């Protein structure tokens, strides 16, 4: 499985961005996917996770501002971010979990930098 994240950049506070994640490779056994972020000096944290059944879980700090979307036909995952704040500055990673032959594996993209600054 390969994950390619894109769409990061520099945005002013209050602005919006859309991150994209393209998945390729052996995509059987997917059980969940999501977006995580890691700010300098901080641990990686969950932004939003979505199950294959469509259940979504958002981190408290992004509820009401970020929305996850997926296009299964194109093997794409998106993160729509609005009302961005300086504390949203981080490297954003897309994640995909698979269950194959009883083994759960986590797959990660390379990350895309989001900087919120005036």
PDB file of N, CA and C in Angstrom:
ATOM      1  N   UNK A   1       0.851  -1.185   0.000  1.00  0.00           N
ATOM      2  CA  UNK A   1       0.000   0.000   0.000  1.00  0.00           C
ATOM      3  C   UNK A   1       0.886   1.235   0.000  1.00  0.00           C
ATOM      4  N   UNK A   2       0.564   2.140  -0.880  1.00  0.00           N
ATOM      5  CA  UNK A   2       1.252   3.435  -0.907  1.00  0.00           C
ATOM      6  C   UNK A   2       0.213   4.542  -0.736  1.00  0.00           C
ATOM      7  N   UNK A   3       0.565   5.521   0.092  1.00  0.00           N
ATOM      8  CA  UNK A   3      -0.309   6.651   0.340  1.00  0.00           C
ATOM      9  C   UNK A   3       0.455   7.930  -0.002  1.00  0.00           C
ATOM     10  N   UNK A   4      -0.141   8.775  -0.802  1.00  0.00           N
ATOM     11  CA  UNK A   4       0.493  10.013  -1.230  1.00  0.00           C
ATOM     12  C   UNK A   4      -0.384  11.185  -0.835  1.00  0.00           C
ATOM     13  N   UNK A   5       0.067  11.942   0.153  1.00  0.00           N
ATOM     14  CA  UNK A   5      -0.694  13.095   0.620  1.00  0.00           C
ATOM     15  C   UNK A   5      -0.240  14.359  -0.093  1.00  0.00           C
ATOM     16  N   UNK A   6      -1.172  15.260  -0.313  1.00  0.00           N
ATOM     17  CA  UNK A   6      -0.852  16.527  -0.964  1.00  0.00           C
ATOM     18  C   UNK A   6      -1.859  17.583  -0.539  1.00  0.00           C
ATOM     19  N   UNK A   7      -1.584  18.823  -0.914  1.00  0.00           N
ATOM     20  CA  UNK A   7      -2.532  19.895  -0.659  1.00  0.00           C
ATOM     21  C   UNK A   7      -2.160  20.833   0.475  1.00  0.00           C
ATOM     22  N   UNK A   8      -1.082  20.542   1.167  1.00  0.00           N
ATOM     23  CA  UNK A   8      -0.675  21.424   2.248  1.00  0.00           C
ATOM     24  C   UNK A   8      -0.131  22.741   1.719  1.00  0.00           C
ATOM     25  N   UNK A   9       0.096  23.657   2.638  1.00  0.00           N
ATOM     26  CA  UNK A   9       0.643  24.946   2.247  1.00  0.00           C
ATOM     27  C   UNK A   9       0.523  25.951   3.355  1.00  0.00           C
ATOM     28  N   UNK A  10       0.763  27.192   2.988  1.00  0.00           N
ATOM     29  CA  UNK A  10       0.672  28.306   3.932  1.00  0.00           C
ATOM     30  C   UNK A  10      -0.676  28.988   3.762  1.00  0.00           C
ATOM     31  N   UNK A  11      -1.371  29.174   4.863  1.00  0.00           N
ATOM     32  CA  UNK A  11      -2.694  29.798   4.801  1.00  0.00           C
ATOM     33  C   UNK A  11      -2.841  30.732   5.993  1.00  0.00           C
ATOM     34  N   UNK A  12      -3.600  31.789   5.812  1.00  0.00           N
ATOM     35  CA  UNK A  12      -3.821  32.736   6.901  1.00  0.00           C
ATOM     36  C   UNK A  12      -4.866  32.211   7.878  1.00  0.00           C
ATOM     37  N   UNK A  13      -4.813  32.650   9.114  1.00  0.00           N
ATOM     38  CA  UNK A  13      -5.854  32.247  10.069  1.00  0.00           C
ATOM     39  C   UNK A  13      -7.243  32.568   9.527  1.00  0.00           C
ATOM     40  N   UNK A  14      -8.143  31.630   9.703  1.00  0.00           N
ATOM     41  CA  UNK A  14      -9.490  31.769   9.173  1.00  0.00           C
ATOM     42  C   UNK A  14      -9.652  31.205   7.776  1.00  0.00           C
ATOM     43  N   UNK A  15      -8.559  30.843   7.150  1.00  0.00           N
ATOM     44  CA  UNK A  15      -8.606  30.323   5.797  1.00  0.00           C
ATOM     45  C   UNK A  15      -8.948  28.845   5.738  1.00  0.00           C
ATOM     46  N   UNK A  16      -8.937  28.327   4.519  1.00  0.00           N
ATOM     47  CA  UNK A  16      -9.320  26.935   4.291  1.00  0.00           C
ATOM     48  C   UNK A  16      -8.291  26.238   3.409  1.00  0.00           C
ATOM     49  N   UNK A  17      -8.226  24.946   3.558  1.00  0.00           N
ATOM     50  CA  UNK A  17      -7.400  24.102   2.705  1.00  0.00           C
ATOM     51  C   UNK A  17      -8.095  22.767   2.525  1.00  0.00           C
ATOM     52  N   UNK A  18      -7.781  22.105   1.431  1.00  0.00           N
ATOM     53  CA  UNK A  18      -8.231  20.738   1.246  1.00  0.00           C
ATOM     54  C   UNK A  18      -7.021  19.848   1.016  1.00  0.00           C
ATOM     55  N   UNK A  19      -6.847  18.870   1.877  1.00  0.00           N
ATOM     56  CA  UNK A  19      -5.787  17.891   1.709  1.00  0.00           C
ATOM     57  C   UNK A  19      -6.334  16.681   0.965  1.00  0.00           C
ATOM     58  N   UNK A  20      -5.477  16.074   0.168  1.00  0.00           N
ATOM     59  CA  UNK A  20      -5.850  14.879  -0.576  1.00  0.00           C
ATOM     60  C   UNK A  20      -4.872  13.767  -0.260  1.00  0.00           C
ATOM     61  N   UNK A  21      -5.353  12.544  -0.331  1.00  0.00           N
ATOM     62  CA  UNK A  21      -4.503  11.376  -0.127  1.00  0.00           C
ATOM     63  C   UNK A  21      -4.886  10.331  -1.165  1.00  0.00           C
ATOM     64  N   UNK A  22      -3.928   9.983  -1.991  1.00  0.00           N
ATOM     65  CA  UNK A  22      -4.152   8.970  -3.018  1.00  0.00           C
ATOM     66  C   UNK A  22      -3.598   7.641  -2.536  1.00  0.00           C
ATOM     67  N   UNK A  23      -4.426   6.624  -2.558  1.00  0.00           N
ATOM     68  CA  UNK A  23      -4.018   5.283  -2.130  1.00  0.00           C
ATOM     69  C   UNK A  23      -3.825   4.392  -3.338  1.00  0.00           C
ATOM     70  N   UNK A  24      -2.800   3.571  -3.304  1.00  0.00           N
ATOM     71  CA  UNK A  24      -2.554   2.637  -4.389  1.00  0.00           C
ATOM     72  C   UNK A  24      -1.946   1.367  -3.815  1.00  0.00           C
ATOM     73  N   UNK A  25      -1.881   0.354  -4.645  1.00  0.00           N
ATOM     74  CA  UNK A  25      -1.341  -0.922  -4.203  1.00  0.00           C
ATOM     75  C   UNK A  25      -2.444  -1.901  -3.843  1.00  0.00           C
ATOM     76  N   UNK A  26      -2.137  -2.830  -2.948  1.00  0.00           N
ATOM     77  CA  UNK A  26      -3.090  -3.848  -2.544  1.00  0.00           C
ATOM     78  C   UNK A  26      -4.017  -3.270  -1.484  1.00  0.00           C
ATOM     79  N   UNK A  27      -5.214  -2.917  -1.876  1.00  0.00           N
ATOM     80  CA  UNK A  27      -6.133  -2.214  -0.992  1.00  0.00           C
ATOM     81  C   UNK A  27      -7.241  -3.125  -0.456  1.00  0.00           C
ATOM     82  N   UNK A  28      -7.004  -4.403  -0.450  1.00  0.00           N
ATOM     83  CA  UNK A  28      -7.994  -5.306   0.119  1.00  0.00           C
ATOM     84  C   UNK A  28      -7.879  -5.313   1.635  1.00  0.00           C
ATOM     85  N   UNK A  29      -8.972  -5.603   2.312  1.00  0.00           N
ATOM     86  CA  UNK A  29      -8.948  -5.715   3.758  1.00  0.00           C
ATOM     87  C   UNK A  29      -8.915  -4.413   4.512  1.00  0.00           C
ATOM     88  N   UNK A  30      -9.308  -3.319   3.867  1.00  0.00           N
ATOM     89  CA  UNK A  30      -9.302  -2.021   4.554  1.00  0.00           C
ATOM     90  C   UNK A  30     -10.347  -2.026   5.660  1.00  0.00           C
ATOM     91  N   UNK A  31      -9.943  -1.636   6.853  1.00  0.00           N
ATOM     92  CA  UNK A  31     -10.874  -1.572   7.978  1.00  0.00           C
ATOM     93  C   UNK A  31     -11.054  -0.152   8.500  1.00  0.00           C
ATOM     94  N   UNK A  32     -10.203   0.749   8.096  1.00  0.00           N
ATOM     95  CA  UNK A  32     -10.340   2.127   8.557  1.00  0.00           C
ATOM     96  C   UNK A  32      -9.309   3.010   7.888  1.00  0.00           C
ATOM     97  N   UNK A  33      -9.555   4.306   7.964  1.00  0.00           N
ATOM     98  CA  UNK A  33      -8.630   5.279   7.389  1.00  0.00           C
ATOM     99  C   UNK A  33      -8.797   6.589   8.129  1.00  0.00           C
ATOM    100  N   UNK A  34      -7.874   7.496   7.920  1.00  0.00           N
ATOM    101  CA  UNK A  34      -8.022   8.764   8.620  1.00  0.00           C
ATOM    102  C   UNK A  34      -6.866   9.699   8.376  1.00  0.00           C
ATOM    103  N   UNK A  35      -6.913  10.789   9.106  1.00  0.00           N
ATOM    104  CA  UNK A  35      -5.878  11.803   9.058  1.00  0.00           C
ATOM    105  C   UNK A  35      -5.336  12.032  10.462  1.00  0.00           C
ATOM    106  N   UNK A  36      -4.026  12.175  10.541  1.00  0.00           N
ATOM    107  CA  UNK A  36      -3.351  12.478  11.788  1.00  0.00           C
ATOM    108  C   UNK A  36      -2.441  13.681  11.543  1.00  0.00           C
ATOM    109  N   UNK A  37      -1.992  14.289  12.618  1.00  0.00           N
ATOM    110  CA  UNK A  37      -1.067  15.405  12.463  1.00  0.00           C
ATOM    111  C   UNK A  37      -0.047  15.404  13.587  1.00  0.00           C
ATOM    112  N   UNK A  38       1.086  16.023  13.291  1.00  0.00           N
ATOM    113  CA  UNK A  38       2.138  16.136  14.293  1.00  0.00           C
ATOM    114  C   UNK A  38       2.760  17.527  14.195  1.00  0.00           C
ATOM    115  N   UNK A  39       2.627  18.253  15.277  1.00  0.00           N
ATOM    116  CA  UNK A  39       3.222  19.584  15.365  1.00  0.00           C
ATOM    117  C   UNK A  39       4.622  19.457  15.954  1.00  0.00           C
ATOM    118  N   UNK A  40       5.474  20.430  15.706  1.00  0.00           N
ATOM    119  CA  UNK A  40       6.843  20.367  16.251  1.00  0.00           C
ATOM    120  C   UNK A  40       6.849  20.197  17.764  1.00  0.00           C
ATOM    121  N   UNK A  41       7.591  19.217  18.228  1.00  0.00           N
ATOM    122  CA  UNK A  41       7.719  18.986  19.654  1.00  0.00           C
ATOM    123  C   UNK A  41       6.542  18.295  20.296  1.00  0.00           C
ATOM    124  N   UNK A  42       5.574  17.883  19.489  1.00  0.00           N
ATOM    125  CA  UNK A  42       4.383  17.234  20.033  1.00  0.00           C
ATOM    126  C   UNK A  42       4.217  15.839  19.462  1.00  0.00           C
ATOM    127  N   UNK A  43       3.403  15.048  20.137  1.00  0.00           N
ATOM    128  CA  UNK A  43       3.117  13.701  19.665  1.00  0.00           C
ATOM    129  C   UNK A  43       2.121  13.743  18.513  1.00  0.00           C
ATOM    130  N   UNK A  44       2.174  12.717  17.691  1.00  0.00           N
ATOM    131  CA  UNK A  44       1.201  12.622  16.616  1.00  0.00           C
ATOM    132  C   UNK A  44      -0.180  12.432  17.217  1.00  0.00           C
ATOM    133  N   UNK A  45      -1.169  13.135  16.693  1.00  0.00           N
ATOM    134  CA  UNK A  45      -2.527  13.036  17.207  1.00  0.00           C
ATOM    135  C   UNK A  45      -3.513  12.774  16.084  1.00  0.00           C
ATOM    136  N   UNK A  46      -4.609  12.140  16.450  1.00  0.00           N
ATOM    137  CA  UNK A  46      -5.645  11.868  15.481  1.00  0.00           C
ATOM    138  C   UNK A  46      -6.411  13.147  15.172  1.00  0.00           C
ATOM    139  N   UNK A  47      -6.624  13.384  13.902  1.00  0.00           N
ATOM    140  CA  UNK A  47      -7.484  14.491  13.475  1.00  0.00           C
ATOM    141  C   UNK A  47      -8.893  13.955  13.246  1.00  0.00           C
ATOM    142  N   UNK A  48      -8.982  12.920  12.429  1.00  0.00           N
ATOM    143  CA  UNK A  48     -10.270  12.289  12.157  1.00  0.00           C
ATOM    144  C   UNK A  48     -10.018  10.881  11.658  1.00  0.00           C
ATOM    145  N   UNK A  49     -10.888   9.983  12.049  1.00  0.00           N
ATOM    146  CA  UNK A  49     -10.831   8.603  11.581  1.00  0.00           C
ATOM    147  C   UNK A  49     -12.197   8.213  11.054  1.00  0.00           C
ATOM    148  N   UNK A  50     -12.189   7.380  10.032  1.00  0.00           N
ATOM    149  CA  UNK A  50     -13.444   6.911   9.453  1.00  0.00           C
ATOM    150  C   UNK A  50     -13.346   5.421   9.200  1.00  0.00           C
ATOM    151  N   UNK A  51     -14.387   4.697   9.558  1.00  0.00           N
ATOM    152  CA  UNK A  51     -14.410   3.258   9.332  1.00  0.00           C
ATOM    153  C   UNK A  51     -14.947   2.986   7.935  1.00  0.00           C
ATOM    154  N   UNK A  52     -14.797   1.759   7.477  1.00  0.00           N
ATOM    155  CA  UNK A  52     -15.323   1.413   6.163  1.00  0.00           C
ATOM    156  C   UNK A  52     -16.845   1.506   6.148  1.00  0.00           C
ATOM    157  N   UNK A  53     -17.462   1.415   7.319  1.00  0.00           N
ATOM    158  CA  UNK A  53     -18.915   1.560   7.394  1.00  0.00           C
ATOM    159  C   UNK A  53     -19.368   3.002   7.393  1.00  0.00           C
ATOM    160  N   UNK A  54     -18.404   3.925   7.479  1.00  0.00           N
ATOM    161  CA  UNK A  54     -18.749   5.335   7.410  1.00  0.00           C
ATOM    162  C   UNK A  54     -18.797   6.054   8.746  1.00  0.00           C
ATOM    163  N   UNK A  55     -18.560   5.376   9.839  1.00  0.00           N
ATOM    164  CA  UNK A  55     -18.545   6.037  11.142  1.00  0.00           C
ATOM    165  C   UNK A  55     -17.324   6.938  11.247  1.00  0.00           C
ATOM    166  N   UNK A  56     -17.544   8.158  11.714  1.00  0.00           N
ATOM    167  CA  UNK A  56     -16.474   9.153  11.794  1.00  0.00           C
ATOM    168  C   UNK A  56     -16.218   9.556  13.239  1.00  0.00           C
ATOM    169  N   UNK A  57     -14.977   9.794  13.536  1.00  0.00           N
ATOM    170  CA  UNK A  57     -14.594  10.291  14.856  1.00  0.00           C
ATOM    171  C   UNK A  57     -13.598  11.421  14.663  1.00  0.00           C
ATOM    172  N   UNK A  58     -13.925  12.583  15.222  1.00  0.00           N
ATOM    173  CA  UNK A  58     -13.084  13.762  15.073  1.00  0.00           C
ATOM    174  C   UNK A  58     -12.407  14.108  16.394  1.00  0.00           C
ATOM    175  N   UNK A  59     -11.193  14.615  16.284  1.00  0.00           N
ATOM    176  CA  UNK A  59     -10.548  15.149  17.463  1.00  0.00           C
ATOM    177  C   UNK A  59     -11.300  16.378  17.951  1.00  0.00           C
ATOM    178  N   UNK A  60     -11.299  16.600  19.250  1.00  0.00           N
ATOM    179  CA  UNK A  60     -12.078  17.697  19.818  1.00  0.00           C
ATOM    180  C   UNK A  60     -11.671  19.056  19.241  1.00  0.00           C
ATOM    181  N   UNK A  61     -10.407  19.229  18.954  1.00  0.00           N
ATOM    182  CA  UNK A  61      -9.929  20.536  18.514  1.00  0.00           C
ATOM    183  C   UNK A  61     -10.342  20.889  17.088  1.00  0.00           C
ATOM    184  N   UNK A  62     -10.829  19.914  16.330  1.00  0.00           N
ATOM    185  CA  UNK A  62     -11.185  20.196  14.931  1.00  0.00           C
ATOM    186  C   UNK A  62     -12.663  20.010  14.646  1.00  0.00           C
ATOM    187  N   UNK A  63     -13.421  19.572  15.627  1.00  0.00           N
ATOM    188  CA  UNK A  63     -14.855  19.350  15.413  1.00  0.00           C
ATOM    189  C   UNK A  63     -15.527  20.625  14.942  1.00  0.00           C
ATOM    190  N   UNK A  64     -16.348  20.478  13.913  1.00  0.00           N
ATOM    191  CA  UNK A  64     -17.063  21.621  13.385  1.00  0.00           C
ATOM    192  C   UNK A  64     -16.266  22.435  12.379  1.00  0.00           C
ATOM    193  N   UNK A  65     -14.978  22.138  12.250  1.00  0.00           N
ATOM    194  CA  UNK A  65     -14.147  22.899  11.307  1.00  0.00           C
ATOM    195  C   UNK A  65     -13.583  22.010  10.194  1.00  0.00           C
ATOM    196  N   UNK A  66     -13.297  20.776  10.501  1.00  0.00           N
ATOM    197  CA  UNK A  66     -12.710  19.845   9.536  1.00  0.00           C
ATOM    198  C   UNK A  66     -13.738  18.786   9.157  1.00  0.00           C
ATOM    199  N   UNK A  67     -13.653  18.335   7.912  1.00  0.00           N
ATOM    200  CA  UNK A  67     -14.553  17.294   7.425  1.00  0.00           C
ATOM    201  C   UNK A  67     -13.767  16.303   6.580  1.00  0.00           C
ATOM    202  N   UNK A  68     -13.946  15.042   6.864  1.00  0.00           N
ATOM    203  CA  UNK A  68     -13.305  14.011   6.064  1.00  0.00           C
ATOM    204  C   UNK A  68     -14.253  13.564   4.959  1.00  0.00           C
ATOM    205  N   UNK A  69     -13.677  13.214   3.820  1.00  0.00           N
ATOM    206  CA  UNK A  69     -14.476  12.696   2.714  1.00  0.00           C
ATOM    207  C   UNK A  69     -13.638  11.657   1.983  1.00  0.00           C
ATOM    208  N   UNK A  70     -14.308  10.770   1.308  1.00  0.00           N
ATOM    209  CA  UNK A  70     -13.580   9.749   0.574  1.00  0.00           C
ATOM    210  C   UNK A  70     -14.274   9.461  -0.735  1.00  0.00           C
ATOM    211  N   UNK A  71     -13.500   9.074  -1.719  1.00  0.00           N
ATOM    212  CA  UNK A  71     -14.009   8.671  -3.015  1.00  0.00           C
ATOM    213  C   UNK A  71     -13.456   7.271  -3.261  1.00  0.00           C
ATOM    214  N   UNK A  72     -14.242   6.264  -2.943  1.00  0.00           N
ATOM    215  CA  UNK A  72     -13.765   4.886  -3.042  1.00  0.00           C
ATOM    216  C   UNK A  72     -13.452   4.497  -4.483  1.00  0.00           C
ATOM    217  N   UNK A  73     -14.183   5.053  -5.426  1.00  0.00           N
ATOM    218  CA  UNK A  73     -13.950   4.714  -6.831  1.00  0.00           C
ATOM    219  C   UNK A  73     -12.571   5.183  -7.295  1.00  0.00           C
ATOM    220  N   UNK A  74     -12.096   6.267  -6.715  1.00  0.00           N
ATOM    221  CA  UNK A  74     -10.803   6.815  -7.096  1.00  0.00           C
ATOM    222  C   UNK A  74      -9.716   6.503  -6.069  1.00  0.00           C
ATOM    223  N   UNK A  75     -10.081   5.778  -5.021  1.00  0.00           N
ATOM    224  CA  UNK A  75      -9.123   5.476  -3.937  1.00  0.00           C
ATOM    225  C   UNK A  75      -8.511   6.755  -3.369  1.00  0.00           C
ATOM    226  N   UNK A  76      -9.380   7.712  -3.103  1.00  0.00           N
ATOM    227  CA  UNK A  76      -8.939   9.001  -2.590  1.00  0.00           C
ATOM    228  C   UNK A  76      -9.580   9.287  -1.236  1.00  0.00           C
ATOM    229  N   UNK A  77      -8.803   9.953  -0.389  1.00  0.00           N
ATOM    230  CA  UNK A  77      -9.269  10.409   0.901  1.00  0.00           C
ATOM    231  C   UNK A  77      -8.983  11.906   0.979  1.00  0.00           C
ATOM    232  N   UNK A  78      -9.925  12.660   1.515  1.00  0.00           N
ATOM    233  CA  UNK A  78      -9.776  14.113   1.574  1.00  0.00           C
ATOM    234  C   UNK A  78      -9.979  14.616   3.000  1.00  0.00           C
ATOM    235  N   UNK A  79      -9.396  15.760   3.251  1.00  0.00           N
ATOM    236  CA  UNK A  79      -9.646  16.448   4.509  1.00  0.00           C
ATOM    237  C   UNK A  79      -9.915  17.914   4.182  1.00  0.00           C
ATOM    238  N   UNK A  80     -11.161  18.327   4.388  1.00  0.00           N
ATOM    239  CA  UNK A  80     -11.536  19.708   4.172  1.00  0.00           C
ATOM    240  C   UNK A  80     -11.371  20.454   5.495  1.00  0.00           C
ATOM    241  N   UNK A  81     -10.534  21.472   5.472  1.00  0.00           N
ATOM    242  CA  UNK A  81     -10.230  22.217   6.686  1.00  0.00           C
ATOM    243  C   UNK A  81     -10.678  23.662   6.515  1.00  0.00           C
ATOM    244  N   UNK A  82     -11.493  24.129   7.433  1.00  0.00           N
ATOM    245  CA  UNK A  82     -11.972  25.505   7.397  1.00  0.00           C
ATOM    246  C   UNK A  82     -11.641  26.196   8.715  1.00  0.00           C
ATOM    247  N   UNK A  83     -11.760  27.537   8.701  1.00  0.00           N
ATOM    248  CA  UNK A  83     -11.494  28.331   9.895  1.00  0.00           C
ATOM    249  C   UNK A  83     -10.188  27.899  10.567  1.00  0.00           C
ATOM    250  N   UNK A  84      -9.159  27.814   9.772  1.00  0.00           N
ATOM    251  CA  UNK A  84      -7.879  27.326  10.281  1.00  0.00           C
ATOM    252  C   UNK A  84      -7.286  28.280  11.303  1.00  0.00           C
ATOM    253  N   UNK A  85      -6.614  27.696  12.284  1.00  0.00           N
ATOM    254  CA  UNK A  85      -6.011  28.442  13.382  1.00  0.00           C
ATOM    255  C   UNK A  85      -4.500  28.165  13.401  1.00  0.00           C
ATOM    256  N   UNK A  86      -3.721  29.067  13.977  1.00  0.00           N
ATOM    257  CA  UNK A  86      -2.277  28.816  14.060  1.00  0.00           C
ATOM    258  C   UNK A  86      -1.947  27.479  14.723  1.00  0.00           C
ATOM    259  N   UNK A  87      -2.754  27.050  15.675  1.00  0.00           N
ATOM    260  CA  UNK A  87      -2.483  25.782  16.345  1.00  0.00           C
ATOM    261  C   UNK A  87      -2.769  24.566  15.472  1.00  0.00           C
ATOM    262  N   UNK A  88      -3.316  24.786  14.287  1.00  0.00           N
ATOM    263  CA  UNK A  88      -3.487  23.679  13.335  1.00  0.00           C
ATOM    264  C   UNK A  88      -2.213  23.430  12.538  1.00  0.00           C
ATOM    265  N   UNK A  89      -1.223  24.276  12.719  1.00  0.00           N
ATOM    266  CA  UNK A  89       0.046  24.098  12.021  1.00  0.00           C
ATOM    267  C   UNK A  89       0.683  22.773  12.416  1.00  0.00           C
ATOM    268  N   UNK A  90       0.968  21.947  11.423  1.00  0.00           N
ATOM    269  CA  UNK A  90       1.516  20.614  11.679  1.00  0.00           C
ATOM    270  C   UNK A  90       1.786  19.935  10.346  1.00  0.00           C
ATOM    271  N   UNK A  91       2.448  18.793  10.426  1.00  0.00           N
ATOM    272  CA  UNK A  91       2.525  17.904   9.271  1.00  0.00           C
ATOM    273  C   UNK A  91       1.322  16.968   9.364  1.00  0.00           C
ATOM    274  N   UNK A  92       0.587  16.882   8.293  1.00  0.00           N
ATOM    275  CA  UNK A  92      -0.616  16.056   8.257  1.00  0.00           C
ATOM    276  C   UNK A  92      -0.328  14.761   7.491  1.00  0.00           C
ATOM    277  N   UNK A  93      -0.718  13.665   8.092  1.00  0.00           N
ATOM    278  CA  UNK A  93      -0.481  12.344   7.527  1.00  0.00           C
ATOM    279  C   UNK A  93      -1.800  11.635   7.278  1.00  0.00           C
ATOM    280  N   UNK A  94      -1.914  10.994   6.133  1.00  0.00           N
ATOM    281  CA  UNK A  94      -3.062  10.120   5.933  1.00  0.00           C
ATOM    282  C   UNK A  94      -2.685   8.706   6.372  1.00  0.00           C
ATOM    283  N   UNK A  95      -3.679   8.001   6.823  1.00  0.00           N
ATOM    284  CA  UNK A  95      -3.490   6.672   7.406  1.00  0.00           C
ATOM    285  C   UNK A  95      -4.530   5.712   6.861  1.00  0.00           C
ATOM    286  N   UNK A  96      -4.110   4.477   6.716  1.00  0.00           N
ATOM    287  CA  UNK A  96      -5.029   3.431   6.275  1.00  0.00           C
ATOM    288  C   UNK A  96      -4.681   2.164   7.056  1.00  0.00           C
ATOM    289  N   UNK A  97      -5.688   1.507   7.590  1.00  0.00           N
ATOM    290  CA  UNK A  97      -5.488   0.257   8.325  1.00  0.00           C
ATOM    291  C   UNK A  97      -6.100  -0.900   7.542  1.00  0.00           C
ATOM    292  N   UNK A  98      -5.361  -1.974   7.458  1.00  0.00           N
ATOM    293  CA  UNK A  98      -5.863  -3.160   6.765  1.00  0.00           C
ATOM    294  C   UNK A  98      -5.829  -4.375   7.680  1.00  0.00           C
ATOM    295  N   UNK A  99      -6.743  -5.279   7.439  1.00  0.00           N
ATOM    296  CA  UNK A  99      -6.793  -6.565   8.147  1.00  0.00           C
ATOM    297  C   UNK A  99      -6.712  -7.659   7.089  1.00  0.00           C
ATOM    298  N   UNK A 100      -5.573  -8.330   7.058  1.00  0.00           N
ATOM    299  CA  UNK A 100      -5.341  -9.389   6.066  1.00  0.00           C
ATOM    300  C   UNK A 100      -4.774 -10.605   6.779  1.00  0.00           C
ATOM    301  N   UNK A 101      -5.437 -11.734   6.591  1.00  0.00           N
ATOM    302  CA  UNK A 101      -4.996 -12.998   7.217  1.00  0.00           C
ATOM    303  C   UNK A 101      -4.819 -12.831   8.718  1.00  0.00           C
ATOM    304  N   UNK A 102      -5.735 -12.110   9.340  1.00  0.00           N
ATOM    305  CA  UNK A 102      -5.714 -11.954  10.779  1.00  0.00           C
ATOM    306  C   UNK A 102      -4.712 -10.935  11.295  1.00  0.00           C
ATOM    307  N   UNK A 103      -4.024 -10.257  10.425  1.00  0.00           N
ATOM    308  CA  UNK A 103      -3.005  -9.282  10.829  1.00  0.00           C
ATOM    309  C   UNK A 103      -3.442  -7.877  10.469  1.00  0.00           C
ATOM    310  N   UNK A 104      -3.443  -7.008  11.466  1.00  0.00           N
ATOM    311  CA  UNK A 104      -3.756  -5.602  11.224  1.00  0.00           C
ATOM    312  C   UNK A 104      -2.457  -4.857  10.939  1.00  0.00           C
ATOM    313  N   UNK A 105      -2.484  -4.075   9.872  1.00  0.00           N
ATOM    314  CA  UNK A 105      -1.319  -3.264   9.538  1.00  0.00           C
ATOM    315  C   UNK A 105      -1.728  -1.819   9.371  1.00  0.00           C
ATOM    316  N   UNK A 106      -0.861  -0.934   9.782  1.00  0.00           N
ATOM    317  CA  UNK A 106      -1.064   0.496   9.597  1.00  0.00           C
ATOM    318  C   UNK A 106      -0.175   0.978   8.459  1.00  0.00           C
ATOM    319  N   UNK A 107      -0.753   1.782   7.599  1.00  0.00           N
ATOM    320  CA  UNK A 107      -0.019   2.346   6.478  1.00  0.00           C
ATOM    321  C   UNK A 107      -0.065   3.870   6.589  1.00  0.00           C
ATOM    322  N   UNK A 108       1.051   4.516   6.282  1.00  0.00           N
ATOM    323  CA  UNK A 108       1.146   5.961   6.427  1.00  0.00           C
ATOM    324  C   UNK A 108       1.695   6.601   5.168  1.00  0.00           C
ATOM    325  N   UNK A 109       1.142   7.773   4.850  1.00  0.00           N
ATOM    326  CA  UNK A 109       1.703   8.570   3.780  1.00  0.00           C
ATOM    327  C   UNK A 109       2.892   9.362   4.293  1.00  0.00           C
ATOM    328  N   UNK A 110       3.498  10.131   3.403  1.00  0.00           N
ATOM    329  CA  UNK A 110       4.726  10.842   3.749  1.00  0.00           C
ATOM    330  C   UNK A 110       4.454  12.148   4.484  1.00  0.00           C
ATOM    331  N   UNK A 111       3.244  12.588   4.511  1.00  0.00           N
ATOM    332  CA  UNK A 111       2.910  13.825   5.217  1.00  0.00           C
ATOM    333  C   UNK A 111       2.943  15.032   4.318  1.00  0.00           C
ATOM    334  N   UNK A 112       2.108  16.002   4.663  1.00  0.00           N
ATOM    335  CA  UNK A 112       2.088  17.272   3.946  1.00  0.00           C
ATOM    336  C   UNK A 112       2.005  18.392   4.985  1.00  0.00           C
ATOM    337  N   UNK A 113       2.830  19.407   4.804  1.00  0.00           N
ATOM    338  CA  UNK A 113       2.938  20.476   5.796  1.00  0.00           C
ATOM    339  C   UNK A 113       1.814  21.484   5.641  1.00  0.00           C
ATOM    340  N   UNK A 114       1.168  21.786   6.750  1.00  0.00           N
ATOM    341  CA  UNK A 114       0.169  22.851   6.804  1.00  0.00           C
ATOM    342  C   UNK A 114       0.670  23.902   7.789  1.00  0.00           C
ATOM    343  N   UNK A 115       0.780  25.114   7.324  1.00  0.00           N
ATOM    344  CA  UNK A 115       1.226  26.218   8.167  1.00  0.00           C
ATOM    345  C   UNK A 115       0.157  27.297   8.156  1.00  0.00           C
ATOM    346  N   UNK A 116      -0.327  27.645   9.343  1.00  0.00           N
ATOM    347  CA  UNK A 116      -1.345  28.681   9.481  1.00  0.00           C
ATOM    348  C   UNK A 116      -0.697  29.885  10.164  1.00  0.00           C
ATOM    349  N   UNK A 117      -0.552  30.942   9.412  1.00  0.00           N
ATOM    350  CA  UNK A 117       0.158  32.103   9.932  1.00  0.00           C
ATOM    351  C   UNK A 117      -0.246  33.347   9.154  1.00  0.00           C
ATOM    352  N   UNK A 118      -0.254  34.468   9.857  1.00  0.00           N
ATOM    353  CA  UNK A 118      -0.537  35.728   9.188  1.00  0.00           C
ATOM    354  C   UNK A 118       0.753  36.401   8.723  1.00  0.00           C
TER     355      UNK A 118
END
